[in-house]
Amino acid sequence: MKNIVDKYLTHIAVDRGMAENTVAAYRRDLADFLKFCEQTKNISTPNSVDVTIARSYLAKLRRDNCARTTVSRKVSALRSFFRYLKKSGHVISNPFAAIDTPKKDKYAPNVPDIEEISALLKTPDRSTPAGLRDRAILELLYAGGLRVSELVSLNIHDIRKNDPEFIIVGKGGKERLVFAGEIARTAVYDYIDRGRPKFGVRQHGEALFLNKSGGRLTARSVQRILEKYVSAIATMKNITPHSIRHSFATHLLNSGADLRAVQELLGHASLSTTQIYTKVSAERLKKTYDRTHPRA
């Protein structure tokens, strides 16, 4: 089955344009299932996998205390894989078509408040090239609600100085419209004019955010940059670039933004994904009420 898996992964990466991280997750999930089939069930061909095997694998994941989100992702990956096998004639039926995807655990994301975000944005030292870059990164993450993968993929000409609108390529290669206010755009062009030329002996391509060698900054590097500044703010803990995206959405909703508008700005395919932020907003309103109302 390994050869077929490789062909499938190439299909979803090239033909369907899935994101690199998604393809990597599918690769791990399929490898885990193949290991289960070979070691536990002595199965080496896809047409030997039936609904009983599929349910046995699901039971194994539950015994391993896998989170619902993990089980859901693995089942989705396998359902998609066997759908591909059925279309290509390798199997007659899809054994995972009848397997229900577990409902994902709903959680309230870690959301820094406006005061914490304001303090964070002021932390980088703008007298240094790295500080100019880092401030531009933080301002742009918050202004546009960007995923870190979207941020590091930006090129130098994607953002125009006098235009708040720009296009990014998000999950699955889908384009979406993003906005950056004047403060964020000013930070970006301060970095472009005074900071970016100082990175590396030579510039590598059109990447907007560069590392010290002049190469494109990675998502992990952005995480490390953020961790450095978060450690300087006593009230902030366990903050990731995605936490800033959470703040972007929550602060918009708290200020009266329409849920569907926020969905579009975040690039969520489903409104249900965006609705988690309404819970965050409601919890914050309740805390405000409890703290301020004399009869609460």
Protein backbone atom coordinates (compact mmCIF):
# COMPACT_ATOMS: atom_id res chain seq x y z
CA MET A 1 0.00 0.00 0.00
CA LYS A 2 2.98 2.34 0.50
CA ASN A 3 3.35 3.01 -3.24
CA ILE A 4 -0.35 3.83 -3.50
CA VAL A 5 -0.08 6.16 -0.49
CA ASP A 6 2.79 8.02 -2.17
CA LYS A 7 0.71 8.49 -5.33
CA TYR A 8 -2.23 9.73 -3.26
CA LEU A 9 -0.08 12.25 -1.37
CA THR A 10 1.26 13.56 -4.67
CA HIS A 11 -2.34 13.83 -5.92
CA ILE A 12 -3.55 15.93 -2.97
CA ALA A 13 -0.44 18.12 -3.04
CA VAL A 14 -0.26 18.75 -6.80
CA ASP A 15 -3.76 18.20 -8.20
CA ARG A 16 -5.79 19.41 -5.23
CA GLY A 17 -3.31 22.03 -4.01
CA MET A 18 -3.50 21.08 -0.33
CA ALA A 19 -1.26 22.97 2.06
CA GLU A 20 2.12 21.46 2.92
CA ASN A 21 1.19 21.04 6.60
CA THR A 22 -2.04 19.23 5.67
CA VAL A 23 -0.19 16.84 3.35
CA ALA A 24 2.34 16.14 6.11
CA ALA A 25 -0.48 15.39 8.59
CA TYR A 26 -2.15 13.03 6.08
CA ARG A 27 1.19 11.28 5.54
CA ARG A 28 1.54 10.63 9.28
CA ASP A 29 -2.08 9.51 9.63
CA LEU A 30 -1.86 7.07 6.71
CA ALA A 31 1.47 5.70 7.97
CA ASP A 32 -0.13 5.05 11.36
CA PHE A 33 -3.01 3.19 9.73
CA LEU A 34 -0.67 1.10 7.53
CA LYS A 35 1.31 0.13 10.62
CA PHE A 36 -1.92 -0.94 12.33
CA CYS A 37 -2.96 -3.02 9.31
CA GLU A 38 0.40 -4.75 8.90
CA GLN A 39 1.23 -5.42 12.54
CA THR A 40 -2.21 -6.04 14.00
CA LYS A 41 -4.30 -7.40 11.15
CA ASN A 42 -1.58 -8.73 8.80
CA ILE A 43 -3.09 -6.76 5.92
CA SER A 44 -0.90 -5.44 3.10
CA THR A 45 -3.39 -4.63 0.31
CA PRO A 46 -6.11 -1.94 0.35
CA ASN A 47 -8.88 -4.23 -0.95
CA SER A 48 -8.50 -6.30 2.24
CA VAL A 49 -9.61 -3.37 4.40
CA ASP A 50 -13.31 -3.54 5.22
CA VAL A 51 -15.68 -1.79 7.62
CA THR A 52 -14.71 -4.18 10.44
CA ILE A 53 -11.04 -3.20 10.09
CA ALA A 54 -12.03 0.46 9.97
CA ARG A 55 -14.03 0.13 13.19
CA SER A 56 -11.18 -1.81 14.84
CA TYR A 57 -8.81 1.04 14.05
CA LEU A 58 -11.25 3.56 15.48
CA ALA A 59 -11.49 1.49 18.66
CA LYS A 60 -7.69 1.38 18.86
CA LEU A 61 -7.51 5.18 18.66
CA ARG A 62 -10.02 5.44 21.49
CA ARG A 63 -8.03 2.97 23.62
CA ASP A 64 -4.98 5.14 23.02
CA ASN A 65 -6.97 8.10 24.44
CA CYS A 66 -6.52 10.14 21.27
CA ALA A 67 -8.21 13.53 21.36
CA ARG A 68 -11.44 13.87 19.38
CA THR A 69 -9.79 16.35 17.03
CA THR A 70 -7.03 13.81 16.30
CA VAL A 71 -9.49 10.97 15.70
CA SER A 72 -11.62 13.21 13.49
CA ARG A 73 -8.61 14.22 11.39
CA LYS A 74 -7.41 10.61 10.99
CA VAL A 75 -10.86 9.38 9.94
CA SER A 76 -11.19 12.24 7.46
CA ALA A 77 -7.76 11.45 5.99
CA LEU A 78 -8.62 7.76 5.60
CA ARG A 79 -12.06 8.48 4.15
CA SER A 80 -10.44 10.74 1.55
CA PHE A 81 -7.71 8.18 0.83
CA PHE A 82 -10.15 5.32 0.21
CA ARG A 83 -12.37 7.60 -1.87
CA TYR A 84 -9.33 8.15 -4.07
CA LEU A 85 -8.66 4.39 -4.18
CA LYS A 86 -12.26 3.71 -5.20
CA LYS A 87 -12.13 6.26 -8.02
CA SER A 88 -8.82 4.84 -9.27
CA GLY A 89 -10.15 1.27 -9.19
CA HIS A 90 -7.98 -0.10 -6.37
CA VAL A 91 -10.97 -0.93 -4.13
CA ILE A 92 -14.65 -1.62 -4.71
CA SER A 93 -15.99 0.30 -1.71
CA ASN A 94 -14.86 2.89 0.84
CA PRO A 95 -14.76 1.24 4.31
CA PHE A 96 -14.55 4.62 6.03
CA ALA A 97 -17.63 6.04 4.30
CA ALA A 98 -19.82 4.47 7.00
CA ILE A 99 -17.61 5.64 9.90
CA ASP A 100 -18.96 8.73 11.66
CA THR A 101 -16.42 11.46 12.28
CA PRO A 102 -16.33 12.18 16.02
CA LYS A 103 -17.53 15.63 17.00
CA LYS A 104 -14.59 17.85 17.78
CA ASP A 105 -14.07 19.13 21.31
CA LYS A 106 -15.06 22.78 21.48
CA TYR A 107 -12.77 24.99 23.46
CA ALA A 108 -12.37 28.65 24.21
CA PRO A 109 -9.11 29.79 22.61
CA ASN A 110 -6.50 31.71 24.54
CA VAL A 111 -7.26 35.33 23.68
CA PRO A 112 -5.04 38.23 24.80
CA ASP A 113 -7.14 41.30 25.58
CA ILE A 114 -6.71 44.69 23.90
CA GLU A 115 -4.40 46.03 26.63
CA GLU A 116 -2.12 42.98 26.35
CA ILE A 117 -1.99 43.23 22.56
CA SER A 118 -1.21 46.96 22.79
CA ALA A 119 1.64 46.25 25.20
CA LEU A 120 2.96 43.48 22.95
CA LEU A 121 2.97 45.71 19.86
CA LYS A 122 5.04 48.34 21.69
CA THR A 123 7.73 45.89 22.85
CA PRO A 124 10.09 45.61 19.82
CA ASP A 125 13.01 48.05 19.76
CA ARG A 126 12.48 50.12 16.61
CA SER A 127 16.04 51.42 16.64
CA THR A 128 17.29 48.06 15.31
CA PRO A 129 16.60 46.25 12.01
CA ALA A 130 15.31 43.19 13.92
CA GLY A 131 13.02 45.37 16.01
CA LEU A 132 11.58 47.05 12.92
CA ARG A 133 10.95 43.64 11.39
CA ASP A 134 9.41 42.20 14.54
CA ARG A 135 7.12 45.17 15.04
CA ALA A 136 5.92 44.86 11.43
CA ILE A 137 5.28 41.14 11.98
CA LEU A 138 3.23 41.70 15.14
CA GLU A 139 1.27 44.62 13.68
CA LEU A 140 0.44 42.66 10.54
CA LEU A 141 -0.60 39.50 12.41
CA TYR A 142 -3.06 41.54 14.48
CA ALA A 143 -4.24 43.90 11.72
CA GLY A 144 -5.04 41.14 9.25
CA GLY A 145 -5.80 38.13 11.45
CA LEU A 146 -3.23 36.19 9.43
CA ARG A 147 -2.15 32.62 9.96
CA VAL A 148 1.60 32.47 10.51
CA SER A 149 2.00 30.42 7.32
CA GLU A 150 0.25 33.21 5.42
CA LEU A 151 2.46 35.85 7.00
CA VAL A 152 5.78 34.20 6.11
CA SER A 153 4.63 33.57 2.53
CA LEU A 154 4.16 37.30 1.86
CA ASN A 155 6.38 38.96 -0.72
CA ILE A 156 7.68 42.51 -0.62
CA HIS A 157 5.23 43.88 -3.21
CA ASP A 158 2.09 42.20 -1.76
CA ILE A 159 1.35 45.14 0.54
CA ARG A 160 1.07 48.63 -0.94
CA LYS A 161 1.82 51.70 1.16
CA ASN A 162 -1.41 53.57 0.44
CA ASP A 163 -3.79 50.64 -0.02
CA PRO A 164 -5.32 48.86 3.01
CA GLU A 165 -6.38 45.88 0.88
CA PHE A 166 -4.16 43.00 -0.16
CA ILE A 167 -4.61 39.40 -1.29
CA ILE A 168 -3.11 36.40 0.46
CA VAL A 169 -3.13 32.71 -0.39
CA GLY A 170 -4.58 30.76 2.54
CA LYS A 171 -5.36 27.12 3.27
CA GLY A 172 -5.81 24.90 0.24
CA GLY A 173 -4.41 27.57 -2.05
CA LYS A 174 -7.53 29.73 -1.64
CA GLU A 175 -7.13 33.46 -2.12
CA ARG A 176 -8.80 35.93 0.23
CA LEU A 177 -8.96 39.65 0.77
CA VAL A 178 -7.18 40.98 3.86
CA PHE A 179 -6.97 44.48 5.31
CA ALA A 180 -4.15 46.29 7.10
CA GLY A 181 -4.71 49.67 8.72
CA GLU A 182 -2.41 52.66 8.44
CA ILE A 183 -0.47 51.77 11.60
CA ALA A 184 0.33 48.28 10.31
CA ARG A 185 1.25 49.54 6.83
CA THR A 186 3.51 52.21 8.32
CA ALA A 187 5.27 49.54 10.41
CA VAL A 188 5.74 47.34 7.34
CA TYR A 189 7.23 50.17 5.26
CA ASP A 190 9.46 51.35 8.12
CA TYR A 191 10.87 47.83 8.06
CA ILE A 192 11.10 47.70 4.23
CA ASP A 193 12.88 51.05 4.04
CA ARG A 194 15.14 50.94 7.10
CA GLY A 195 15.29 47.34 8.35
CA ARG A 196 15.03 44.84 5.51
CA PRO A 197 18.13 46.06 3.60
CA LYS A 198 20.26 45.20 6.66
CA PHE A 199 19.38 41.48 6.61
CA GLY A 200 21.92 39.22 4.93
CA VAL A 201 24.74 39.85 2.51
CA ARG A 202 22.30 39.49 -0.36
CA GLN A 203 18.52 39.43 -0.61
CA HIS A 204 16.90 36.09 -1.43
CA GLY A 205 14.00 36.55 -3.81
CA GLU A 206 10.96 38.65 -3.01
CA ALA A 207 10.28 37.46 0.55
CA LEU A 208 8.95 40.25 2.77
CA PHE A 209 10.21 39.00 6.12
CA LEU A 210 13.84 37.90 6.20
CA ASN A 211 16.09 36.10 8.67
CA LYS A 212 19.62 37.26 9.54
CA SER A 213 21.02 35.43 6.50
CA GLY A 214 18.64 37.14 4.10
CA GLY A 215 16.42 34.09 3.58
CA ARG A 216 12.66 33.88 4.03
CA LEU A 217 11.63 33.76 7.68
CA THR A 218 9.97 30.49 8.75
CA ALA A 219 6.84 29.95 10.83
CA ARG A 220 8.94 28.47 13.65
CA SER A 221 11.15 31.56 13.65
CA VAL A 222 8.09 33.80 14.02
CA GLN A 223 7.02 31.65 16.99
CA ARG A 224 10.42 32.15 18.64
CA ILE A 225 10.30 35.91 17.98
CA LEU A 226 6.88 36.11 19.61
CA GLU A 227 7.99 34.06 22.62
CA LYS A 228 10.79 36.56 23.25
CA TYR A 229 8.40 39.49 23.46
CA VAL A 230 5.68 37.62 25.37
CA SER A 231 8.19 36.78 28.11
CA ALA A 232 8.57 40.53 28.74
CA ILE A 233 4.85 40.92 29.57
CA ALA A 234 3.93 39.42 32.95
CA THR A 235 0.23 38.85 32.21
CA MET A 236 0.78 36.96 28.93
CA LYS A 237 1.41 33.22 28.93
CA ASN A 238 1.32 30.49 26.26
CA ILE A 239 0.74 32.98 23.46
CA THR A 240 1.29 31.81 19.88
CA PRO A 241 0.90 33.61 16.55
CA HIS A 242 -2.52 31.94 16.35
CA SER A 243 -3.46 33.57 19.67
CA ILE A 244 -3.08 36.94 17.96
CA ARG A 245 -5.41 35.70 15.21
CA HIS A 246 -7.89 34.76 17.97
CA SER A 247 -7.59 38.28 19.38
CA PHE A 248 -8.22 39.78 15.94
CA ALA A 249 -11.51 37.88 15.63
CA THR A 250 -12.67 38.36 19.22
CA HIS A 251 -11.94 42.08 19.33
CA LEU A 252 -13.85 42.60 16.07
CA LEU A 253 -16.90 40.76 17.45
CA ASN A 254 -16.69 42.61 20.77
CA SER A 255 -16.83 45.85 18.79
CA GLY A 256 -19.97 44.80 16.91
CA ALA A 257 -18.60 43.18 13.74
CA ASP A 258 -20.90 40.78 11.89
CA LEU A 259 -20.05 37.09 12.38
CA ARG A 260 -20.12 36.35 8.65
CA ALA A 261 -17.81 39.28 7.96
CA VAL A 262 -15.34 37.88 10.50
CA GLN A 263 -15.68 34.46 8.84
CA GLU A 264 -14.66 36.01 5.51
CA LEU A 265 -11.75 37.90 7.06
CA LEU A 266 -10.44 34.75 8.74
CA GLY A 267 -10.91 32.61 5.63
CA HIS A 268 -13.01 29.99 7.45
CA ALA A 269 -14.85 27.62 5.11
CA SER A 270 -17.57 27.00 7.71
CA LEU A 271 -19.39 29.50 9.91
CA SER A 272 -19.35 26.96 12.75
CA THR A 273 -15.56 27.35 12.97
CA THR A 274 -15.97 31.10 13.50
CA GLN A 275 -18.76 30.69 16.07
CA ILE A 276 -16.30 29.66 18.79
CA TYR A 277 -15.44 33.37 19.05
CA THR A 278 -19.03 34.26 19.96
CA LYS A 279 -18.59 32.08 23.04
CA VAL A 280 -15.38 33.92 23.92
CA SER A 281 -17.15 37.25 23.50
CA ALA A 282 -20.09 36.14 25.65
CA GLU A 283 -17.79 34.92 28.42
CA ARG A 284 -15.95 38.24 28.42
CA LEU A 285 -19.23 40.16 28.56
CA LYS A 286 -20.33 38.05 31.53
CA LYS A 287 -17.09 38.80 33.38
CA THR A 288 -17.55 42.51 32.69
CA TYR A 289 -21.13 42.33 33.97
CA ASP A 290 -20.12 40.44 37.12
CA ARG A 291 -17.34 42.92 37.80
CA THR A 292 -19.24 46.14 37.16
CA HIS A 293 -22.96 45.66 37.85
CA PRO A 294 -23.86 46.58 41.45
CA ARG A 295 -26.44 43.77 41.73
CA ALA A 296 -24.51 41.06 39.87
